[in-house]
Amino acid sequence: MATSPQITHVSWGRMEVEGLEPGKDFKLFPGGGRAWDWSEHGTRHDPGVQPADVQELLDHGCTVVVLSRGMERRLLTMPETLRMLEEAGVKVHREETTAAVDLYNELARTTAVGGLFHSTC
């Protein structure tokens, strides 16, 4: 089973992830990850994380997903996104970013976990 990369650093506006270039926002999953480009699906703080944002996590076999809410908890998640994950049988955790990173790193040791991480507001 492919493992999810560890997040080695998080601070306002900057994250470092094993095997990836440093960046601001990330989409991580078993076997790797990439920068999370909000413009890809028109994501905004409100209404928040869209179903299209998490589809890639499902495509990579995630059984658990960690959604960061931002450092100031301003990033929302659309109800449709939560419903989509629930229907796929995926357990979801929504946390402030530093708490989300800690939880994700712990889960990544034993679980097919994916996550969306926003390192600012």
PDB file of N, CA and C in Angstrom:
ATOM      1  N   MET A   1       0.846  -1.202   0.000  1.00  0.00           N
ATOM      2  CA  MET A   1       0.000   0.000   0.000  1.00  0.00           C
ATOM      3  C   MET A   1       0.882   1.254   0.000  1.00  0.00           C
ATOM      4  N   ALA A   2       0.581   2.182  -0.881  1.00  0.00           N
ATOM      5  CA  ALA A   2       1.306   3.450  -0.917  1.00  0.00           C
ATOM      6  C   ALA A   2       0.952   4.255   0.324  1.00  0.00           C
ATOM      7  N   THR A   3       1.947   4.933   0.875  1.00  0.00           N
ATOM      8  CA  THR A   3       1.689   5.764   2.046  1.00  0.00           C
ATOM      9  C   THR A   3       1.545   7.217   1.627  1.00  0.00           C
ATOM     10  N   SER A   4       0.898   7.981   2.476  1.00  0.00           N
ATOM     11  CA  SER A   4       0.727   9.412   2.239  1.00  0.00           C
ATOM     12  C   SER A   4       1.954  10.148   2.776  1.00  0.00           C
ATOM     13  N   PRO A   5       2.403  11.193   2.079  1.00  0.00           N
ATOM     14  CA  PRO A   5       3.602  11.909   2.519  1.00  0.00           C
ATOM     15  C   PRO A   5       3.374  12.665   3.825  1.00  0.00           C
ATOM     16  N   GLN A   6       4.415  12.736   4.629  1.00  0.00           N
ATOM     17  CA  GLN A   6       4.353  13.485   5.883  1.00  0.00           C
ATOM     18  C   GLN A   6       4.507  14.987   5.599  1.00  0.00           C
ATOM     19  N   ILE A   7       3.804  15.780   6.385  1.00  0.00           N
ATOM     20  CA  ILE A   7       3.973  17.236   6.357  1.00  0.00           C
ATOM     21  C   ILE A   7       5.035  17.546   7.399  1.00  0.00           C
ATOM     22  N   THR A   8       6.143  18.150   6.964  1.00  0.00           N
ATOM     23  CA  THR A   8       7.266  18.367   7.867  1.00  0.00           C
ATOM     24  C   THR A   8       7.307  19.775   8.461  1.00  0.00           C
ATOM     25  N   HIS A   9       6.526  20.692   7.892  1.00  0.00           N
ATOM     26  CA  HIS A   9       6.500  22.067   8.421  1.00  0.00           C
ATOM     27  C   HIS A   9       5.201  22.736   7.998  1.00  0.00           C
ATOM     28  N   VAL A  10       4.631  23.491   8.928  1.00  0.00           N
ATOM     29  CA  VAL A  10       3.490  24.345   8.585  1.00  0.00           C
ATOM     30  C   VAL A  10       3.608  25.642   9.369  1.00  0.00           C
ATOM     31  N   SER A  11       3.478  26.749   8.663  1.00  0.00           N
ATOM     32  CA  SER A  11       3.403  28.072   9.268  1.00  0.00           C
ATOM     33  C   SER A  11       2.543  28.921   8.346  1.00  0.00           C
ATOM     34  N   TRP A  12       2.243  30.126   8.771  1.00  0.00           N
ATOM     35  CA  TRP A  12       1.363  30.987   7.983  1.00  0.00           C
ATOM     36  C   TRP A  12       1.909  31.131   6.561  1.00  0.00           C
ATOM     37  N   GLY A  13       1.140  30.635   5.580  1.00  0.00           N
ATOM     38  CA  GLY A  13       1.480  30.801   4.180  1.00  0.00           C
ATOM     39  C   GLY A  13       2.553  29.875   3.637  1.00  0.00           C
ATOM     40  N   ARG A  14       3.008  28.898   4.449  1.00  0.00           N
ATOM     41  CA  ARG A  14       4.069  28.000   3.975  1.00  0.00           C
ATOM     42  C   ARG A  14       3.929  26.606   4.583  1.00  0.00           C
ATOM     43  N   MET A  15       4.017  25.623   3.685  1.00  0.00           N
ATOM     44  CA  MET A  15       4.025  24.236   4.128  1.00  0.00           C
ATOM     45  C   MET A  15       5.156  23.507   3.410  1.00  0.00           C
ATOM     46  N   GLU A  16       5.715  22.508   4.111  1.00  0.00           N
ATOM     47  CA  GLU A  16       6.717  21.640   3.518  1.00  0.00           C
ATOM     48  C   GLU A  16       6.232  20.208   3.665  1.00  0.00           C
ATOM     49  N   VAL A  17       6.304  19.469   2.563  1.00  0.00           N
ATOM     50  CA  VAL A  17       5.799  18.101   2.501  1.00  0.00           C
ATOM     51  C   VAL A  17       6.888  17.222   1.903  1.00  0.00           C
ATOM     52  N   GLU A  18       7.068  16.033   2.477  1.00  0.00           N
ATOM     53  CA  GLU A  18       8.054  15.086   1.950  1.00  0.00           C
ATOM     54  C   GLU A  18       7.894  14.897   0.449  1.00  0.00           C
ATOM     55  N   GLY A  19       8.991  15.078  -0.290  1.00  0.00           N
ATOM     56  CA  GLY A  19       8.995  14.802  -1.712  1.00  0.00           C
ATOM     57  C   GLY A  19       8.393  15.867  -2.613  1.00  0.00           C
ATOM     58  N   LEU A  20       7.914  16.972  -2.029  1.00  0.00           N
ATOM     59  CA  LEU A  20       7.290  18.033  -2.826  1.00  0.00           C
ATOM     60  C   LEU A  20       7.992  19.365  -2.564  1.00  0.00           C
ATOM     61  N   GLU A  21       7.880  20.261  -3.531  1.00  0.00           N
ATOM     62  CA  GLU A  21       8.413  21.607  -3.331  1.00  0.00           C
ATOM     63  C   GLU A  21       7.569  22.319  -2.280  1.00  0.00           C
ATOM     64  N   PRO A  22       8.184  23.200  -1.454  1.00  0.00           N
ATOM     65  CA  PRO A  22       7.391  23.960  -0.477  1.00  0.00           C
ATOM     66  C   PRO A  22       6.296  24.766  -1.186  1.00  0.00           C
ATOM     67  N   GLY A  23       5.215  25.018  -0.470  1.00  0.00           N
ATOM     68  CA  GLY A  23       4.115  25.781  -1.043  1.00  0.00           C
ATOM     69  C   GLY A  23       3.177  26.281   0.030  1.00  0.00           C
ATOM     70  N   LYS A  24       2.035  26.785  -0.417  1.00  0.00           N
ATOM     71  CA  LYS A  24       1.065  27.390   0.491  1.00  0.00           C
ATOM     72  C   LYS A  24      -0.079  26.446   0.813  1.00  0.00           C
ATOM     73  N   ASP A  25      -0.653  25.830  -0.191  1.00  0.00           N
ATOM     74  CA  ASP A  25      -1.801  24.940  -0.021  1.00  0.00           C
ATOM     75  C   ASP A  25      -1.494  23.618  -0.726  1.00  0.00           C
ATOM     76  N   PHE A  26      -1.924  22.520  -0.111  1.00  0.00           N
ATOM     77  CA  PHE A  26      -1.612  21.206  -0.677  1.00  0.00           C
ATOM     78  C   PHE A  26      -2.802  20.276  -0.709  1.00  0.00           C
ATOM     79  N   LYS A  27      -2.757  19.379  -1.680  1.00  0.00           N
ATOM     80  CA  LYS A  27      -3.681  18.262  -1.836  1.00  0.00           C
ATOM     81  C   LYS A  27      -2.795  17.021  -1.719  1.00  0.00           C
ATOM     82  N   LEU A  28      -2.997  16.216  -0.666  1.00  0.00           N
ATOM     83  CA  LEU A  28      -2.142  15.063  -0.400  1.00  0.00           C
ATOM     84  C   LEU A  28      -2.953  13.781  -0.374  1.00  0.00           C
ATOM     85  N   PHE A  29      -2.304  12.674  -0.761  1.00  0.00           N
ATOM     86  CA  PHE A  29      -3.000  11.387  -0.859  1.00  0.00           C
ATOM     87  C   PHE A  29      -1.960  10.269  -0.862  1.00  0.00           C
ATOM     88  N   PRO A  30      -2.406   9.011  -0.718  1.00  0.00           N
ATOM     89  CA  PRO A  30      -1.452   7.901  -0.746  1.00  0.00           C
ATOM     90  C   PRO A  30      -0.634   7.927  -2.043  1.00  0.00           C
ATOM     91  N   GLY A  31       0.668   7.907  -1.882  1.00  0.00           N
ATOM     92  CA  GLY A  31       1.545   7.914  -3.038  1.00  0.00           C
ATOM     93  C   GLY A  31       2.051   9.282  -3.436  1.00  0.00           C
ATOM     94  N   GLY A  32       1.548  10.359  -2.837  1.00  0.00           N
ATOM     95  CA  GLY A  32       2.062  11.674  -3.211  1.00  0.00           C
ATOM     96  C   GLY A  32       1.146  12.827  -2.898  1.00  0.00           C
ATOM     97  N   GLY A  33       1.210  13.807  -3.767  1.00  0.00           N
ATOM     98  CA  GLY A  33       0.421  15.014  -3.581  1.00  0.00           C
ATOM     99  C   GLY A  33       0.883  16.084  -4.546  1.00  0.00           C
ATOM    100  N   ARG A  34       0.268  17.246  -4.406  1.00  0.00           N
ATOM    101  CA  ARG A  34       0.609  18.372  -5.276  1.00  0.00           C
ATOM    102  C   ARG A  34       0.088  19.650  -4.628  1.00  0.00           C
ATOM    103  N   ALA A  35       0.500  20.762  -5.218  1.00  0.00           N
ATOM    104  CA  ALA A  35      -0.045  22.049  -4.775  1.00  0.00           C
ATOM    105  C   ALA A  35      -1.551  22.042  -5.024  1.00  0.00           C
ATOM    106  N   TRP A  36      -2.290  22.646  -4.110  1.00  0.00           N
ATOM    107  CA  TRP A  36      -3.733  22.778  -4.266  1.00  0.00           C
ATOM    108  C   TRP A  36      -4.003  24.167  -4.831  1.00  0.00           C
ATOM    109  N   ASP A  37      -4.364  24.215  -6.091  1.00  0.00           N
ATOM    110  CA  ASP A  37      -4.630  25.465  -6.804  1.00  0.00           C
ATOM    111  C   ASP A  37      -6.131  25.741  -6.749  1.00  0.00           C
ATOM    112  N   TRP A  38      -6.523  26.693  -5.930  1.00  0.00           N
ATOM    113  CA  TRP A  38      -7.943  26.988  -5.750  1.00  0.00           C
ATOM    114  C   TRP A  38      -8.614  27.413  -7.045  1.00  0.00           C
ATOM    115  N   SER A  39      -7.861  28.018  -7.960  1.00  0.00           N
ATOM    116  CA  SER A  39      -8.478  28.504  -9.204  1.00  0.00           C
ATOM    117  C   SER A  39      -8.906  27.350 -10.117  1.00  0.00           C
ATOM    118  N   GLU A  40      -8.384  26.163  -9.854  1.00  0.00           N
ATOM    119  CA  GLU A  40      -8.709  24.996 -10.670  1.00  0.00           C
ATOM    120  C   GLU A  40     -10.221  24.749 -10.730  1.00  0.00           C
ATOM    121  N   HIS A  41     -10.901  24.902  -9.604  1.00  0.00           N
ATOM    122  CA  HIS A  41     -12.344  24.674  -9.540  1.00  0.00           C
ATOM    123  C   HIS A  41     -13.104  25.900  -9.027  1.00  0.00           C
ATOM    124  N   GLY A  42     -12.413  27.037  -8.933  1.00  0.00           N
ATOM    125  CA  GLY A  42     -13.062  28.249  -8.459  1.00  0.00           C
ATOM    126  C   GLY A  42     -13.355  28.232  -6.962  1.00  0.00           C
ATOM    127  N   THR A  43     -12.540  27.541  -6.195  1.00  0.00           N
ATOM    128  CA  THR A  43     -12.740  27.436  -4.751  1.00  0.00           C
ATOM    129  C   THR A  43     -12.513  28.782  -4.075  1.00  0.00           C
ATOM    130  N   ARG A  44     -13.347  29.089  -3.104  1.00  0.00           N
ATOM    131  CA  ARG A  44     -13.239  30.299  -2.286  1.00  0.00           C
ATOM    132  C   ARG A  44     -13.492  29.902  -0.826  1.00  0.00           C
ATOM    133  N   HIS A  45     -13.136  30.790   0.107  1.00  0.00           N
ATOM    134  CA  HIS A  45     -13.373  30.481   1.526  1.00  0.00           C
ATOM    135  C   HIS A  45     -14.838  30.129   1.783  1.00  0.00           C
ATOM    136  N   ASP A  46     -15.730  30.832   1.107  1.00  0.00           N
ATOM    137  CA  ASP A  46     -17.162  30.601   1.247  1.00  0.00           C
ATOM    138  C   ASP A  46     -17.726  30.531  -0.176  1.00  0.00           C
ATOM    139  N   PRO A  47     -18.302  29.438  -0.615  1.00  0.00           N
ATOM    140  CA  PRO A  47     -18.872  28.332   0.155  1.00  0.00           C
ATOM    141  C   PRO A  47     -17.875  27.258   0.585  1.00  0.00           C
ATOM    142  N   GLY A  48     -16.615  27.322   0.115  1.00  0.00           N
ATOM    143  CA  GLY A  48     -15.610  26.419   0.630  1.00  0.00           C
ATOM    144  C   GLY A  48     -15.230  25.272  -0.279  1.00  0.00           C
ATOM    145  N   VAL A  49     -14.709  24.211   0.356  1.00  0.00           N
ATOM    146  CA  VAL A  49     -14.218  23.029  -0.360  1.00  0.00           C
ATOM    147  C   VAL A  49     -15.362  22.410  -1.152  1.00  0.00           C
ATOM    148  N   GLN A  50     -15.122  22.215  -2.442  1.00  0.00           N
ATOM    149  CA  GLN A  50     -16.133  21.695  -3.358  1.00  0.00           C
ATOM    150  C   GLN A  50     -15.934  20.197  -3.611  1.00  0.00           C
ATOM    151  N   PRO A  51     -16.977  19.516  -4.072  1.00  0.00           N
ATOM    152  CA  PRO A  51     -16.819  18.103  -4.428  1.00  0.00           C
ATOM    153  C   PRO A  51     -15.649  17.872  -5.389  1.00  0.00           C
ATOM    154  N   ALA A  52     -15.470  18.745  -6.369  1.00  0.00           N
ATOM    155  CA  ALA A  52     -14.384  18.585  -7.338  1.00  0.00           C
ATOM    156  C   ALA A  52     -13.009  18.656  -6.664  1.00  0.00           C
ATOM    157  N   ASP A  53     -12.901  19.381  -5.548  1.00  0.00           N
ATOM    158  CA  ASP A  53     -11.634  19.479  -4.823  1.00  0.00           C
ATOM    159  C   ASP A  53     -11.232  18.145  -4.198  1.00  0.00           C
ATOM    160  N   VAL A  54     -12.210  17.352  -3.770  1.00  0.00           N
ATOM    161  CA  VAL A  54     -11.899  16.088  -3.082  1.00  0.00           C
ATOM    162  C   VAL A  54     -11.938  14.875  -4.008  1.00  0.00           C
ATOM    163  N   GLN A  55     -12.427  15.030  -5.224  1.00  0.00           N
ATOM    164  CA  GLN A  55     -12.524  13.889  -6.134  1.00  0.00           C
ATOM    165  C   GLN A  55     -11.171  13.203  -6.339  1.00  0.00           C
ATOM    166  N   GLU A  56     -10.116  13.997  -6.469  1.00  0.00           N
ATOM    167  CA  GLU A  56      -8.786  13.434  -6.670  1.00  0.00           C
ATOM    168  C   GLU A  56      -8.359  12.566  -5.481  1.00  0.00           C
ATOM    169  N   LEU A  57      -8.783  12.946  -4.276  1.00  0.00           N
ATOM    170  CA  LEU A  57      -8.460  12.147  -3.088  1.00  0.00           C
ATOM    171  C   LEU A  57      -9.148  10.787  -3.175  1.00  0.00           C
ATOM    172  N   LEU A  58     -10.401  10.792  -3.605  1.00  0.00           N
ATOM    173  CA  LEU A  58     -11.132   9.527  -3.776  1.00  0.00           C
ATOM    174  C   LEU A  58     -10.481   8.679  -4.870  1.00  0.00           C
ATOM    175  N   ASP A  59     -10.055   9.335  -5.952  1.00  0.00           N
ATOM    176  CA  ASP A  59      -9.430   8.628  -7.060  1.00  0.00           C
ATOM    177  C   ASP A  59      -8.136   7.923  -6.632  1.00  0.00           C
ATOM    178  N   HIS A  60      -7.504   8.434  -5.572  1.00  0.00           N
ATOM    179  CA  HIS A  60      -6.265   7.834  -5.066  1.00  0.00           C
ATOM    180  C   HIS A  60      -6.524   6.853  -3.919  1.00  0.00           C
ATOM    181  N   GLY A  61      -7.776   6.499  -3.690  1.00  0.00           N
ATOM    182  CA  GLY A  61      -8.091   5.442  -2.733  1.00  0.00           C
ATOM    183  C   GLY A  61      -8.124   5.840  -1.268  1.00  0.00           C
ATOM    184  N   CYS A  62      -8.318   7.107  -0.983  1.00  0.00           N
ATOM    185  CA  CYS A  62      -8.375   7.533   0.423  1.00  0.00           C
ATOM    186  C   CYS A  62      -9.598   6.934   1.120  1.00  0.00           C
ATOM    187  N   THR A  63      -9.375   6.413   2.318  1.00  0.00           N
ATOM    188  CA  THR A  63     -10.479   5.911   3.145  1.00  0.00           C
ATOM    189  C   THR A  63     -10.802   6.893   4.266  1.00  0.00           C
ATOM    190  N   VAL A  64      -9.878   7.824   4.503  1.00  0.00           N
ATOM    191  CA  VAL A  64     -10.049   8.896   5.484  1.00  0.00           C
ATOM    192  C   VAL A  64      -9.560  10.170   4.821  1.00  0.00           C
ATOM    193  N   VAL A  65     -10.281  11.280   5.058  1.00  0.00           N
ATOM    194  CA  VAL A  65      -9.886  12.573   4.509  1.00  0.00           C
ATOM    195  C   VAL A  65      -9.846  13.601   5.632  1.00  0.00           C
ATOM    196  N   VAL A  66      -8.760  14.382   5.648  1.00  0.00           N
ATOM    197  CA  VAL A  66      -8.606  15.482   6.599  1.00  0.00           C
ATOM    198  C   VAL A  66      -8.723  16.780   5.801  1.00  0.00           C
ATOM    199  N   LEU A  67      -9.686  17.607   6.176  1.00  0.00           N
ATOM    200  CA  LEU A  67      -9.890  18.900   5.529  1.00  0.00           C
ATOM    201  C   LEU A  67      -9.492  19.991   6.506  1.00  0.00           C
ATOM    202  N   SER A  68      -8.479  20.768   6.146  1.00  0.00           N
ATOM    203  CA  SER A  68      -8.104  21.867   7.030  1.00  0.00           C
ATOM    204  C   SER A  68      -9.075  23.020   6.807  1.00  0.00           C
ATOM    205  N   ARG A  69      -9.312  23.757   7.862  1.00  0.00           N
ATOM    206  CA  ARG A  69     -10.246  24.885   7.809  1.00  0.00           C
ATOM    207  C   ARG A  69      -9.518  26.219   7.693  1.00  0.00           C
ATOM    208  N   GLY A  70      -8.179  26.170   7.600  1.00  0.00           N
ATOM    209  CA  GLY A  70      -7.377  27.387   7.592  1.00  0.00           C
ATOM    210  C   GLY A  70      -6.926  27.722   9.001  1.00  0.00           C
ATOM    211  N   MET A  71      -5.921  28.572   9.098  1.00  0.00           N
ATOM    212  CA  MET A  71      -5.363  28.953  10.398  1.00  0.00           C
ATOM    213  C   MET A  71      -6.384  29.724  11.253  1.00  0.00           C
ATOM    214  N   GLU A  72      -7.256  30.464  10.593  1.00  0.00           N
ATOM    215  CA  GLU A  72      -8.286  31.231  11.307  1.00  0.00           C
ATOM    216  C   GLU A  72      -9.673  30.615  11.121  1.00  0.00           C
ATOM    217  N   ARG A  73      -9.706  29.395  10.648  1.00  0.00           N
ATOM    218  CA  ARG A  73     -10.953  28.629  10.446  1.00  0.00           C
ATOM    219  C   ARG A  73     -11.934  29.324   9.495  1.00  0.00           C
ATOM    220  N   ARG A  74     -11.393  30.012   8.485  1.00  0.00           N
ATOM    221  CA  ARG A  74     -12.274  30.725   7.545  1.00  0.00           C
ATOM    222  C   ARG A  74     -12.709  29.875   6.360  1.00  0.00           C
ATOM    223  N   LEU A  75     -12.005  28.760   6.110  1.00  0.00           N
ATOM    224  CA  LEU A  75     -12.340  27.913   4.966  1.00  0.00           C
ATOM    225  C   LEU A  75     -13.490  26.969   5.336  1.00  0.00           C
ATOM    226  N   LEU A  76     -14.584  27.123   4.626  1.00  0.00           N
ATOM    227  CA  LEU A  76     -15.762  26.286   4.847  1.00  0.00           C
ATOM    228  C   LEU A  76     -15.702  25.050   3.962  1.00  0.00           C
ATOM    229  N   THR A  77     -16.639  24.152   4.148  1.00  0.00           N
ATOM    230  CA  THR A  77     -16.789  22.969   3.293  1.00  0.00           C
ATOM    231  C   THR A  77     -18.240  22.898   2.861  1.00  0.00           C
ATOM    232  N   MET A  78     -18.461  22.768   1.566  1.00  0.00           N
ATOM    233  CA  MET A  78     -19.825  22.684   1.043  1.00  0.00           C
ATOM    234  C   MET A  78     -20.510  21.414   1.561  1.00  0.00           C
ATOM    235  N   PRO A  79     -21.796  21.491   1.905  1.00  0.00           N
ATOM    236  CA  PRO A  79     -22.533  20.295   2.338  1.00  0.00           C
ATOM    237  C   PRO A  79     -22.475  19.177   1.294  1.00  0.00           C
ATOM    238  N   GLU A  80     -22.473  19.544   0.012  1.00  0.00           N
ATOM    239  CA  GLU A  80     -22.411  18.554  -1.055  1.00  0.00           C
ATOM    240  C   GLU A  80     -21.106  17.754  -1.001  1.00  0.00           C
ATOM    241  N   THR A  81     -20.031  18.422  -0.569  1.00  0.00           N
ATOM    242  CA  THR A  81     -18.727  17.751  -0.456  1.00  0.00           C
ATOM    243  C   THR A  81     -18.773  16.708   0.655  1.00  0.00           C
ATOM    244  N   LEU A  82     -19.329  17.097   1.795  1.00  0.00           N
ATOM    245  CA  LEU A  82     -19.433  16.161   2.919  1.00  0.00           C
ATOM    246  C   LEU A  82     -20.326  14.988   2.561  1.00  0.00           C
ATOM    247  N   ARG A  83     -21.408  15.267   1.850  1.00  0.00           N
ATOM    248  CA  ARG A  83     -22.330  14.211   1.430  1.00  0.00           C
ATOM    249  C   ARG A  83     -21.630  13.237   0.472  1.00  0.00           C
ATOM    250  N   MET A  84     -20.867  13.782  -0.463  1.00  0.00           N
ATOM    251  CA  MET A  84     -20.143  12.956  -1.428  1.00  0.00           C
ATOM    252  C   MET A  84     -19.164  12.016  -0.714  1.00  0.00           C
ATOM    253  N   LEU A  85     -18.427  12.539   0.251  1.00  0.00           N
ATOM    254  CA  LEU A  85     -17.468  11.714   0.992  1.00  0.00           C
ATOM    255  C   LEU A  85     -18.187  10.657   1.826  1.00  0.00           C
ATOM    256  N   GLU A  86     -19.280  11.054   2.451  1.00  0.00           N
ATOM    257  CA  GLU A  86     -20.062  10.113   3.257  1.00  0.00           C
ATOM    258  C   GLU A  86     -20.587   8.975   2.379  1.00  0.00           C
ATOM    259  N   GLU A  87     -21.122   9.311   1.217  1.00  0.00           N
ATOM    260  CA  GLU A  87     -21.659   8.302   0.301  1.00  0.00           C
ATOM    261  C   GLU A  87     -20.572   7.360  -0.204  1.00  0.00           C
ATOM    262  N   ALA A  88     -19.314   7.852  -0.243  1.00  0.00           N
ATOM    263  CA  ALA A  88     -18.185   7.019  -0.673  1.00  0.00           C
ATOM    264  C   ALA A  88     -17.642   6.180   0.485  1.00  0.00           C
ATOM    265  N   GLY A  89     -18.231   6.348   1.678  1.00  0.00           N
ATOM    266  CA  GLY A  89     -17.786   5.589   2.844  1.00  0.00           C
ATOM    267  C   GLY A  89     -16.487   6.100   3.441  1.00  0.00           C
ATOM    268  N   VAL A  90     -16.161   7.368   3.182  1.00  0.00           N
ATOM    269  CA  VAL A  90     -14.916   7.971   3.651  1.00  0.00           C
ATOM    270  C   VAL A  90     -15.173   8.732   4.948  1.00  0.00           C
ATOM    271  N   LYS A  91     -14.344   8.479   5.951  1.00  0.00           N
ATOM    272  CA  LYS A  91     -14.422   9.217   7.218  1.00  0.00           C
ATOM    273  C   LYS A  91     -13.768  10.583   7.012  1.00  0.00           C
ATOM    274  N   VAL A  92     -14.410  11.634   7.515  1.00  0.00           N
ATOM    275  CA  VAL A  92     -13.935  13.005   7.305  1.00  0.00           C
ATOM    276  C   VAL A  92     -13.633  13.674   8.641  1.00  0.00           C
ATOM    277  N   HIS A  93     -12.508  14.370   8.680  1.00  0.00           N
ATOM    278  CA  HIS A  93     -12.138  15.200   9.827  1.00  0.00           C
ATOM    279  C   HIS A  93     -11.954  16.615   9.310  1.00  0.00           C
ATOM    280  N   ARG A  94     -12.555  17.604   9.977  1.00  0.00           N
ATOM    281  CA  ARG A  94     -12.389  19.020   9.636  1.00  0.00           C
ATOM    282  C   ARG A  94     -11.783  19.712  10.837  1.00  0.00           C
ATOM    283  N   GLU A  95     -10.591  20.278  10.669  1.00  0.00           N
ATOM    284  CA  GLU A  95      -9.860  20.871  11.781  1.00  0.00           C
ATOM    285  C   GLU A  95      -9.151  22.152  11.349  1.00  0.00           C
ATOM    286  N   GLU A  96      -8.824  22.987  12.326  1.00  0.00           N
ATOM    287  CA  GLU A  96      -7.928  24.121  12.100  1.00  0.00           C
ATOM    288  C   GLU A  96      -6.636  23.552  11.527  1.00  0.00           C
ATOM    289  N   THR A  97      -5.923  24.311  10.712  1.00  0.00           N
ATOM    290  CA  THR A  97      -4.818  23.766   9.924  1.00  0.00           C
ATOM    291  C   THR A  97      -3.751  23.058  10.745  1.00  0.00           C
ATOM    292  N   THR A  98      -3.254  23.642  11.828  1.00  0.00           N
ATOM    293  CA  THR A  98      -2.173  22.967  12.558  1.00  0.00           C
ATOM    294  C   THR A  98      -2.677  21.673  13.193  1.00  0.00           C
ATOM    295  N   ALA A  99      -3.899  21.673  13.684  1.00  0.00           N
ATOM    296  CA  ALA A  99      -4.484  20.441  14.227  1.00  0.00           C
ATOM    297  C   ALA A  99      -4.713  19.428  13.115  1.00  0.00           C
ATOM    298  N   ALA A 100      -5.124  19.894  11.937  1.00  0.00           N
ATOM    299  CA  ALA A 100      -5.340  19.010  10.786  1.00  0.00           C
ATOM    300  C   ALA A 100      -4.026  18.349  10.374  1.00  0.00           C
ATOM    301  N   VAL A 101      -2.935  19.111  10.379  1.00  0.00           N
ATOM    302  CA  VAL A 101      -1.618  18.568  10.017  1.00  0.00           C
ATOM    303  C   VAL A 101      -1.215  17.475  11.004  1.00  0.00           C
ATOM    304  N   ASP A 102      -1.373  17.742  12.301  1.00  0.00           N
ATOM    305  CA  ASP A 102      -1.013  16.748  13.316  1.00  0.00           C
ATOM    306  C   ASP A 102      -1.818  15.466  13.135  1.00  0.00           C
ATOM    307  N   LEU A 103      -3.111  15.603  12.940  1.00  0.00           N
ATOM    308  CA  LEU A 103      -3.980  14.440  12.768  1.00  0.00           C
ATOM    309  C   LEU A 103      -3.608  13.679  11.490  1.00  0.00           C
ATOM    310  N   TYR A 104      -3.441  14.404  10.412  1.00  0.00           N
ATOM    311  CA  TYR A 104      -3.070  13.782   9.131  1.00  0.00           C
ATOM    312  C   TYR A 104      -1.761  12.999   9.262  1.00  0.00           C
ATOM    313  N   ASN A 105      -0.731  13.626   9.836  1.00  0.00           N
ATOM    314  CA  ASN A 105       0.565  12.952   9.967  1.00  0.00           C
ATOM    315  C   ASN A 105       0.441  11.665  10.783  1.00  0.00           C
ATOM    316  N   GLU A 106      -0.360  11.701  11.837  1.00  0.00           N
ATOM    317  CA  GLU A 106      -0.574  10.510  12.656  1.00  0.00           C
ATOM    318  C   GLU A 106      -1.273   9.420  11.836  1.00  0.00           C
ATOM    319  N   LEU A 107      -2.345   9.790  11.136  1.00  0.00           N
ATOM    320  CA  LEU A 107      -3.097   8.829  10.328  1.00  0.00           C
ATOM    321  C   LEU A 107      -2.255   8.271   9.176  1.00  0.00           C
ATOM    322  N   ALA A 108      -1.383   9.105   8.608  1.00  0.00           N
ATOM    323  CA  ALA A 108      -0.599   8.700   7.435  1.00  0.00           C
ATOM    324  C   ALA A 108       0.314   7.517   7.729  1.00  0.00           C
ATOM    325  N   ARG A 109       0.611   7.284   8.992  1.00  0.00           N
ATOM    326  CA  ARG A 109       1.478   6.158   9.348  1.00  0.00           C
ATOM    327  C   ARG A 109       0.801   4.811   9.110  1.00  0.00           C
ATOM    328  N   THR A 110      -0.548   4.779   9.170  1.00  0.00           N
ATOM    329  CA  THR A 110      -1.243   3.481   9.144  1.00  0.00           C
ATOM    330  C   THR A 110      -2.455   3.426   8.224  1.00  0.00           C
ATOM    331  N   THR A 111      -2.842   4.562   7.644  1.00  0.00           N
ATOM    332  CA  THR A 111      -4.131   4.650   6.958  1.00  0.00           C
ATOM    333  C   THR A 111      -3.976   5.261   5.561  1.00  0.00           C
ATOM    334  N   ALA A 112      -4.871   4.894   4.661  1.00  0.00           N
ATOM    335  CA  ALA A 112      -4.912   5.513   3.328  1.00  0.00           C
ATOM    336  C   ALA A 112      -5.614   6.861   3.476  1.00  0.00           C
ATOM    337  N   VAL A 113      -4.860   7.843   3.978  1.00  0.00           N
ATOM    338  CA  VAL A 113      -5.433   9.150   4.271  1.00  0.00           C
ATOM    339  C   VAL A 113      -5.049  10.147   3.182  1.00  0.00           C
ATOM    340  N   GLY A 114      -5.975  11.058   2.942  1.00  0.00           N
ATOM    341  CA  GLY A 114      -5.728  12.171   2.052  1.00  0.00           C
ATOM    342  C   GLY A 114      -6.110  13.449   2.763  1.00  0.00           C
ATOM    343  N   GLY A 115      -5.711  14.566   2.216  1.00  0.00           N
ATOM    344  CA  GLY A 115      -6.086  15.820   2.852  1.00  0.00           C
ATOM    345  C   GLY A 115      -5.944  17.009   1.941  1.00  0.00           C
ATOM    346  N   LEU A 116      -6.703  18.034   2.302  1.00  0.00           N
ATOM    347  CA  LEU A 116      -6.593  19.351   1.670  1.00  0.00           C
ATOM    348  C   LEU A 116      -6.154  20.304   2.762  1.00  0.00           C
ATOM    349  N   PHE A 117      -5.076  21.031   2.499  1.00  0.00           N
ATOM    350  CA  PHE A 117      -4.476  21.882   3.514  1.00  0.00           C
ATOM    351  C   PHE A 117      -4.327  23.307   3.018  1.00  0.00           C
ATOM    352  N   HIS A 118      -4.857  24.243   3.811  1.00  0.00           N
ATOM    353  CA  HIS A 118      -4.817  25.682   3.523  1.00  0.00           C
ATOM    354  C   HIS A 118      -4.027  26.338   4.634  1.00  0.00           C
ATOM    355  N   SER A 119      -2.900  27.005   4.278  1.00  0.00           N
ATOM    356  CA  SER A 119      -1.980  27.479   5.315  1.00  0.00           C
ATOM    357  C   SER A 119      -2.154  28.944   5.701  1.00  0.00           C
ATOM    358  N   THR A 120      -3.180  29.608   5.183  1.00  0.00           N
ATOM    359  CA  THR A 120      -3.430  30.964   5.679  1.00  0.00           C
ATOM    360  C   THR A 120      -4.796  30.988   6.343  1.00  0.00           C
ATOM    361  N   CYS A 121      -5.543  32.040   6.160  1.00  0.00           N
ATOM    362  CA  CYS A 121      -6.775  32.246   6.897  1.00  0.00           C
ATOM    363  C   CYS A 121      -7.767  31.114   6.782  1.00  0.00           C
TER     364      CYS A 121
END
